[in-house]
Amino acid sequence: MKRTWSCVVLAWLISAPVQAQDAQPAPPARLWIVAGGSSTTIRGDCQDCEVAFPYRHTGALLGDVGYSVTTRLDVGGELFWSKWHNDSGQINATAIDAVVQFRPWETKGFFLKGGAGMAFVRNWVHSLGPHPDSSKALAVVIGGGWEFNPKGPLGLQLFATQHVGALGDLQTADGMVPNVTANFWSVGAAIVVR
């Protein structure tokens, strides 16, 4: 009989901490806001182009709004806006993406980001045609960076991202250019509010 009671007491002592851990409720989702700017390099390209398109440099604005679902996972929407201009005209590009940001380590600031959505490109480059051209495209974003103070209500993040817009066929003054892709590489900083 002593042996049976000892086994029951031992089983209860082992399971008590596990039950206490399971009883803790999950933290509620918190609002996640990111706003910042970047230095961006833009390059258009296509599969069968004989012309080497130049790299162009400009600034961009970036904003994220969503929720911190867990202490390591943020989900929401991202707005990326860039404007490039020179003597031949200008190009405005806006990407609206659903994004997920993941921190592999809860106490460290390193994060990875990915998402997809829609890009809107409006160009006034004279070599592309006599009138402004508006294009819609599939947009994809990948990136990463480091967030300082990831557990606090206010932080700063440094990031590097690539936004890609698959524009498809583009009508220019010289004819149709098939399978055009726009790439935007950015390095920047942003304020984070949780």
C-alpha atoms as a PDB file:
ATOM      1  CA  MET A   1       0.000   0.000   0.000  1.00  0.00           C
ATOM      2  CA  LYS A   2       2.865   2.360   0.804  1.00  0.00           C
ATOM      3  CA  ARG A   3       4.268   1.763  -2.632  1.00  0.00           C
ATOM      4  CA  THR A   4       0.972   2.675  -4.335  1.00  0.00           C
ATOM      5  CA  TRP A   5       0.649   5.936  -2.379  1.00  0.00           C
ATOM      6  CA  SER A   6       4.262   6.849  -3.115  1.00  0.00           C
ATOM      7  CA  CYS A   7       3.630   6.374  -6.853  1.00  0.00           C
ATOM      8  CA  VAL A   8       0.471   8.513  -6.684  1.00  0.00           C
ATOM      9  CA  VAL A   9       2.254  11.312  -4.788  1.00  0.00           C
ATOM     10  CA  LEU A  10       5.248  11.167  -7.169  1.00  0.00           C
ATOM     11  CA  ALA A  11       2.974  11.326 -10.240  1.00  0.00           C
ATOM     12  CA  TRP A  12       1.101  14.289  -8.750  1.00  0.00           C
ATOM     13  CA  LEU A  13       4.342  16.162  -7.968  1.00  0.00           C
ATOM     14  CA  ILE A  14       5.633  15.635 -11.507  1.00  0.00           C
ATOM     15  CA  SER A  15       2.391  16.734 -13.192  1.00  0.00           C
ATOM     16  CA  ALA A  16       1.772  19.818 -10.982  1.00  0.00           C
ATOM     17  CA  PRO A  17       4.376  22.081 -12.695  1.00  0.00           C
ATOM     18  CA  VAL A  18       3.174  20.982 -16.132  1.00  0.00           C
ATOM     19  CA  GLN A  19      -0.422  21.861 -15.241  1.00  0.00           C
ATOM     20  CA  ALA A  20       0.707  25.244 -13.909  1.00  0.00           C
ATOM     21  CA  GLN A  21       2.489  26.010 -17.175  1.00  0.00           C
ATOM     22  CA  ASP A  22      -0.538  25.019 -19.259  1.00  0.00           C
ATOM     23  CA  ALA A  23      -2.846  27.215 -17.182  1.00  0.00           C
ATOM     24  CA  GLN A  24      -1.155  30.475 -18.253  1.00  0.00           C
ATOM     25  CA  PRO A  25      -3.210  32.294 -20.890  1.00  0.00           C
ATOM     26  CA  ALA A  26      -1.592  33.354 -24.156  1.00  0.00           C
ATOM     27  CA  PRO A  27      -0.714  37.058 -24.312  1.00  0.00           C
ATOM     28  CA  PRO A  28      -3.266  39.101 -26.261  1.00  0.00           C
ATOM     29  CA  ALA A  29      -2.392  40.323 -29.758  1.00  0.00           C
ATOM     30  CA  ARG A  30      -0.932  43.837 -29.722  1.00  0.00           C
ATOM     31  CA  LEU A  31      -1.026  46.514 -32.394  1.00  0.00           C
ATOM     32  CA  TRP A  32       2.164  46.567 -34.520  1.00  0.00           C
ATOM     33  CA  ILE A  33       3.134  49.750 -36.413  1.00  0.00           C
ATOM     34  CA  VAL A  34       6.334  50.364 -38.386  1.00  0.00           C
ATOM     35  CA  ALA A  35       7.183  53.623 -40.215  1.00  0.00           C
ATOM     36  CA  GLY A  36      10.452  54.546 -41.890  1.00  0.00           C
ATOM     37  CA  GLY A  37      12.451  55.288 -44.973  1.00  0.00           C
ATOM     38  CA  SER A  38      15.162  53.728 -47.086  1.00  0.00           C
ATOM     39  CA  SER A  39      17.769  54.230 -49.732  1.00  0.00           C
ATOM     40  CA  THR A  40      16.523  52.226 -52.718  1.00  0.00           C
ATOM     41  CA  THR A  41      18.067  50.939 -55.917  1.00  0.00           C
ATOM     42  CA  ILE A  42      15.648  50.290 -58.805  1.00  0.00           C
ATOM     43  CA  ARG A  43      16.199  48.197 -61.906  1.00  0.00           C
ATOM     44  CA  GLY A  44      13.779  47.037 -64.568  1.00  0.00           C
ATOM     45  CA  ASP A  45      14.479  43.906 -66.571  1.00  0.00           C
ATOM     46  CA  CYS A  46      12.853  41.446 -68.954  1.00  0.00           C
ATOM     47  CA  GLN A  47      13.603  37.929 -70.149  1.00  0.00           C
ATOM     48  CA  ASP A  48      14.382  38.633 -73.805  1.00  0.00           C
ATOM     49  CA  CYS A  49      15.634  42.224 -73.623  1.00  0.00           C
ATOM     50  CA  GLU A  50      18.703  43.125 -75.601  1.00  0.00           C
ATOM     51  CA  VAL A  51      19.069  46.419 -73.725  1.00  0.00           C
ATOM     52  CA  ALA A  52      20.868  46.469 -70.365  1.00  0.00           C
ATOM     53  CA  PHE A  53      18.663  48.584 -68.115  1.00  0.00           C
ATOM     54  CA  PRO A  54      20.549  50.900 -65.745  1.00  0.00           C
ATOM     55  CA  TYR A  55      20.438  50.818 -61.952  1.00  0.00           C
ATOM     56  CA  ARG A  56      18.736  53.903 -60.545  1.00  0.00           C
ATOM     57  CA  HIS A  57      18.964  55.190 -56.978  1.00  0.00           C
ATOM     58  CA  THR A  58      16.294  56.998 -54.989  1.00  0.00           C
ATOM     59  CA  GLY A  59      14.591  57.157 -51.614  1.00  0.00           C
ATOM     60  CA  ALA A  60      11.500  55.247 -50.482  1.00  0.00           C
ATOM     61  CA  LEU A  61       8.949  55.258 -47.663  1.00  0.00           C
ATOM     62  CA  LEU A  62       7.757  52.131 -45.885  1.00  0.00           C
ATOM     63  CA  GLY A  63       4.965  51.467 -43.389  1.00  0.00           C
ATOM     64  CA  ASP A  64       3.569  48.329 -41.734  1.00  0.00           C
ATOM     65  CA  VAL A  65       0.366  47.982 -39.703  1.00  0.00           C
ATOM     66  CA  GLY A  66      -0.842  44.781 -38.092  1.00  0.00           C
ATOM     67  CA  TYR A  67      -0.683  42.733 -34.918  1.00  0.00           C
ATOM     68  CA  SER A  68       2.019  41.073 -32.848  1.00  0.00           C
ATOM     69  CA  VAL A  69       0.356  37.663 -32.659  1.00  0.00           C
ATOM     70  CA  THR A  70       3.050  36.188 -30.403  1.00  0.00           C
ATOM     71  CA  THR A  71       6.266  37.556 -28.927  1.00  0.00           C
ATOM     72  CA  ARG A  72       8.076  36.387 -32.095  1.00  0.00           C
ATOM     73  CA  LEU A  73       5.490  36.742 -34.889  1.00  0.00           C
ATOM     74  CA  ASP A  74       3.990  39.897 -36.437  1.00  0.00           C
ATOM     75  CA  VAL A  75       1.398  39.851 -39.236  1.00  0.00           C
ATOM     76  CA  GLY A  76      -0.142  42.731 -41.152  1.00  0.00           C
ATOM     77  CA  GLY A  77      -0.021  44.868 -44.260  1.00  0.00           C
ATOM     78  CA  GLU A  78       2.840  46.850 -45.751  1.00  0.00           C
ATOM     79  CA  LEU A  79       2.879  49.955 -47.937  1.00  0.00           C
ATOM     80  CA  PHE A  80       6.076  50.677 -49.901  1.00  0.00           C
ATOM     81  CA  TRP A  81       6.329  53.850 -52.013  1.00  0.00           C
ATOM     82  CA  SER A  82       9.193  54.972 -54.240  1.00  0.00           C
ATOM     83  CA  LYS A  83       9.614  57.767 -56.796  1.00  0.00           C
ATOM     84  CA  TRP A  84      12.446  58.055 -59.305  1.00  0.00           C
ATOM     85  CA  HIS A  85      12.974  60.894 -61.781  1.00  0.00           C
ATOM     86  CA  ASN A  86      15.560  62.323 -64.184  1.00  0.00           C
ATOM     87  CA  ASP A  87      15.578  64.322 -67.437  1.00  0.00           C
ATOM     88  CA  SER A  88      13.634  61.650 -69.344  1.00  0.00           C
ATOM     89  CA  GLY A  89      10.728  61.502 -66.885  1.00  0.00           C
ATOM     90  CA  GLN A  90       9.690  59.883 -63.629  1.00  0.00           C
ATOM     91  CA  ILE A  91       8.357  56.607 -62.246  1.00  0.00           C
ATOM     92  CA  ASN A  92       6.174  56.194 -59.135  1.00  0.00           C
ATOM     93  CA  ALA A  93       5.896  52.705 -57.649  1.00  0.00           C
ATOM     94  CA  THR A  94       3.622  51.625 -54.803  1.00  0.00           C
ATOM     95  CA  ALA A  95       3.476  48.101 -53.388  1.00  0.00           C
ATOM     96  CA  ILE A  96       0.733  46.944 -51.021  1.00  0.00           C
ATOM     97  CA  ASP A  97       1.612  43.566 -49.484  1.00  0.00           C
ATOM     98  CA  ALA A  98       0.380  41.231 -46.787  1.00  0.00           C
ATOM     99  CA  VAL A  99       3.491  40.532 -44.677  1.00  0.00           C
ATOM    100  CA  VAL A 100       4.688  38.211 -41.943  1.00  0.00           C
ATOM    101  CA  GLN A 101       7.669  39.141 -39.776  1.00  0.00           C
ATOM    102  CA  PHE A 102       9.291  36.392 -37.701  1.00  0.00           C
ATOM    103  CA  ARG A 103      11.963  36.573 -35.003  1.00  0.00           C
ATOM    104  CA  PRO A 104      13.628  33.143 -34.546  1.00  0.00           C
ATOM    105  CA  TRP A 105      14.857  34.130 -31.052  1.00  0.00           C
ATOM    106  CA  GLU A 106      12.459  35.767 -28.632  1.00  0.00           C
ATOM    107  CA  THR A 107      15.073  37.853 -26.813  1.00  0.00           C
ATOM    108  CA  LYS A 108      17.138  38.807 -29.875  1.00  0.00           C
ATOM    109  CA  GLY A 109      16.253  41.450 -32.441  1.00  0.00           C
ATOM    110  CA  PHE A 110      17.033  39.535 -35.663  1.00  0.00           C
ATOM    111  CA  PHE A 111      13.950  39.145 -37.901  1.00  0.00           C
ATOM    112  CA  LEU A 112      12.954  37.774 -41.297  1.00  0.00           C
ATOM    113  CA  LYS A 113      10.108  39.231 -43.362  1.00  0.00           C
ATOM    114  CA  GLY A 114       8.160  37.947 -46.351  1.00  0.00           C
ATOM    115  CA  GLY A 115       4.933  38.737 -48.128  1.00  0.00           C
ATOM    116  CA  ALA A 116       3.013  39.211 -51.347  1.00  0.00           C
ATOM    117  CA  GLY A 117       0.431  41.564 -52.782  1.00  0.00           C
ATOM    118  CA  MET A 118      -0.060  44.088 -55.576  1.00  0.00           C
ATOM    119  CA  ALA A 119       2.244  46.732 -57.070  1.00  0.00           C
ATOM    120  CA  PHE A 120       1.064  49.829 -58.926  1.00  0.00           C
ATOM    121  CA  VAL A 121       3.576  51.506 -61.236  1.00  0.00           C
ATOM    122  CA  ARG A 122       2.906  54.824 -62.945  1.00  0.00           C
ATOM    123  CA  ASN A 123       5.597  56.095 -65.280  1.00  0.00           C
ATOM    124  CA  TRP A 124       6.115  59.256 -67.245  1.00  0.00           C
ATOM    125  CA  VAL A 125       9.396  58.192 -68.878  1.00  0.00           C
ATOM    126  CA  HIS A 126       9.328  59.676 -72.406  1.00  0.00           C
ATOM    127  CA  SER A 127      11.188  56.753 -74.017  1.00  0.00           C
ATOM    128  CA  LEU A 128       8.382  54.391 -72.986  1.00  0.00           C
ATOM    129  CA  GLY A 129       5.691  56.277 -74.863  1.00  0.00           C
ATOM    130  CA  PRO A 130       4.011  59.640 -75.455  1.00  0.00           C
ATOM    131  CA  HIS A 131       1.531  59.242 -72.579  1.00  0.00           C
ATOM    132  CA  PRO A 132       1.855  58.180 -68.935  1.00  0.00           C
ATOM    133  CA  ASP A 133       1.524  54.444 -68.440  1.00  0.00           C
ATOM    134  CA  SER A 134      -0.053  52.725 -65.424  1.00  0.00           C
ATOM    135  CA  SER A 135       0.652  49.089 -64.664  1.00  0.00           C
ATOM    136  CA  LYS A 136      -0.550  46.646 -62.023  1.00  0.00           C
ATOM    137  CA  ALA A 137       1.682  43.773 -61.011  1.00  0.00           C
ATOM    138  CA  LEU A 138       2.082  40.862 -58.658  1.00  0.00           C
ATOM    139  CA  ALA A 139       4.364  42.052 -55.840  1.00  0.00           C
ATOM    140  CA  VAL A 140       6.597  39.979 -53.599  1.00  0.00           C
ATOM    141  CA  VAL A 141       8.740  41.192 -50.694  1.00  0.00           C
ATOM    142  CA  ILE A 142      11.536  39.399 -48.817  1.00  0.00           C
ATOM    143  CA  GLY A 143      13.945  40.812 -46.288  1.00  0.00           C
ATOM    144  CA  GLY A 144      15.388  40.850 -42.838  1.00  0.00           C
ATOM    145  CA  GLY A 145      17.046  43.042 -40.301  1.00  0.00           C
ATOM    146  CA  TRP A 146      17.584  43.805 -36.657  1.00  0.00           C
ATOM    147  CA  GLU A 147      15.130  45.370 -34.220  1.00  0.00           C
ATOM    148  CA  PHE A 148      16.465  47.189 -31.177  1.00  0.00           C
ATOM    149  CA  ASN A 149      14.255  46.773 -28.072  1.00  0.00           C
ATOM    150  CA  PRO A 150      11.998  44.050 -29.602  1.00  0.00           C
ATOM    151  CA  LYS A 151      10.039  43.519 -26.364  1.00  0.00           C
ATOM    152  CA  GLY A 152       9.445  47.179 -25.555  1.00  0.00           C
ATOM    153  CA  PRO A 153       6.587  49.416 -26.682  1.00  0.00           C
ATOM    154  CA  LEU A 154       8.908  51.577 -28.820  1.00  0.00           C
ATOM    155  CA  GLY A 155      11.871  50.404 -30.859  1.00  0.00           C
ATOM    156  CA  LEU A 156      14.047  50.987 -33.883  1.00  0.00           C
ATOM    157  CA  GLN A 157      14.744  48.556 -36.704  1.00  0.00           C
ATOM    158  CA  LEU A 158      17.384  48.481 -39.413  1.00  0.00           C
ATOM    159  CA  PHE A 159      16.302  46.486 -42.466  1.00  0.00           C
ATOM    160  CA  ALA A 160      17.229  45.302 -45.927  1.00  0.00           C
ATOM    161  CA  THR A 161      14.439  44.243 -48.317  1.00  0.00           C
ATOM    162  CA  GLN A 162      13.783  43.388 -51.925  1.00  0.00           C
ATOM    163  CA  HIS A 163      10.437  44.251 -53.494  1.00  0.00           C
ATOM    164  CA  VAL A 164       9.742  42.651 -56.872  1.00  0.00           C
ATOM    165  CA  GLY A 165       6.925  43.629 -59.213  1.00  0.00           C
ATOM    166  CA  ALA A 166       6.068  41.321 -62.134  1.00  0.00           C
ATOM    167  CA  LEU A 167       4.670  43.907 -64.570  1.00  0.00           C
ATOM    168  CA  GLY A 168       4.098  41.540 -67.487  1.00  0.00           C
ATOM    169  CA  ASP A 169       3.998  43.037 -70.995  1.00  0.00           C
ATOM    170  CA  LEU A 170       4.821  46.748 -71.231  1.00  0.00           C
ATOM    171  CA  GLN A 171       3.903  48.932 -74.215  1.00  0.00           C
ATOM    172  CA  THR A 172       6.718  51.346 -75.148  1.00  0.00           C
ATOM    173  CA  ALA A 173       7.216  53.840 -77.971  1.00  0.00           C
ATOM    174  CA  ASP A 174       9.211  51.156 -79.811  1.00  0.00           C
ATOM    175  CA  GLY A 175       6.648  48.365 -79.338  1.00  0.00           C
ATOM    176  CA  MET A 176       5.641  45.727 -76.790  1.00  0.00           C
ATOM    177  CA  VAL A 177       8.258  44.508 -74.282  1.00  0.00           C
ATOM    178  CA  PRO A 178       7.271  41.107 -72.824  1.00  0.00           C
ATOM    179  CA  ASN A 179       7.761  39.862 -69.248  1.00  0.00           C
ATOM    180  CA  VAL A 180       8.957  43.049 -67.579  1.00  0.00           C
ATOM    181  CA  THR A 181      10.042  42.830 -63.931  1.00  0.00           C
ATOM    182  CA  ALA A 182      10.865  45.713 -61.591  1.00  0.00           C
ATOM    183  CA  ASN A 183      13.262  45.162 -58.677  1.00  0.00           C
ATOM    184  CA  PHE A 184      13.596  47.489 -55.682  1.00  0.00           C
ATOM    185  CA  TRP A 185      16.460  46.811 -53.245  1.00  0.00           C
ATOM    186  CA  SER A 186      16.240  48.868 -50.057  1.00  0.00           C
ATOM    187  CA  VAL A 187      18.347  49.489 -46.959  1.00  0.00           C
ATOM    188  CA  GLY A 188      16.770  51.651 -44.286  1.00  0.00           C
ATOM    189  CA  ALA A 189      15.567  52.346 -40.767  1.00  0.00           C
ATOM    190  CA  ALA A 190      12.146  52.525 -39.157  1.00  0.00           C
ATOM    191  CA  ILE A 191      10.428  53.283 -35.838  1.00  0.00           C
ATOM    192  CA  VAL A 192       8.483  50.337 -34.347  1.00  0.00           C
ATOM    193  CA  VAL A 193       5.481  50.780 -32.012  1.00  0.00           C
ATOM    194  CA  ARG A 194       3.910  47.824 -30.188  1.00  0.00           C
END
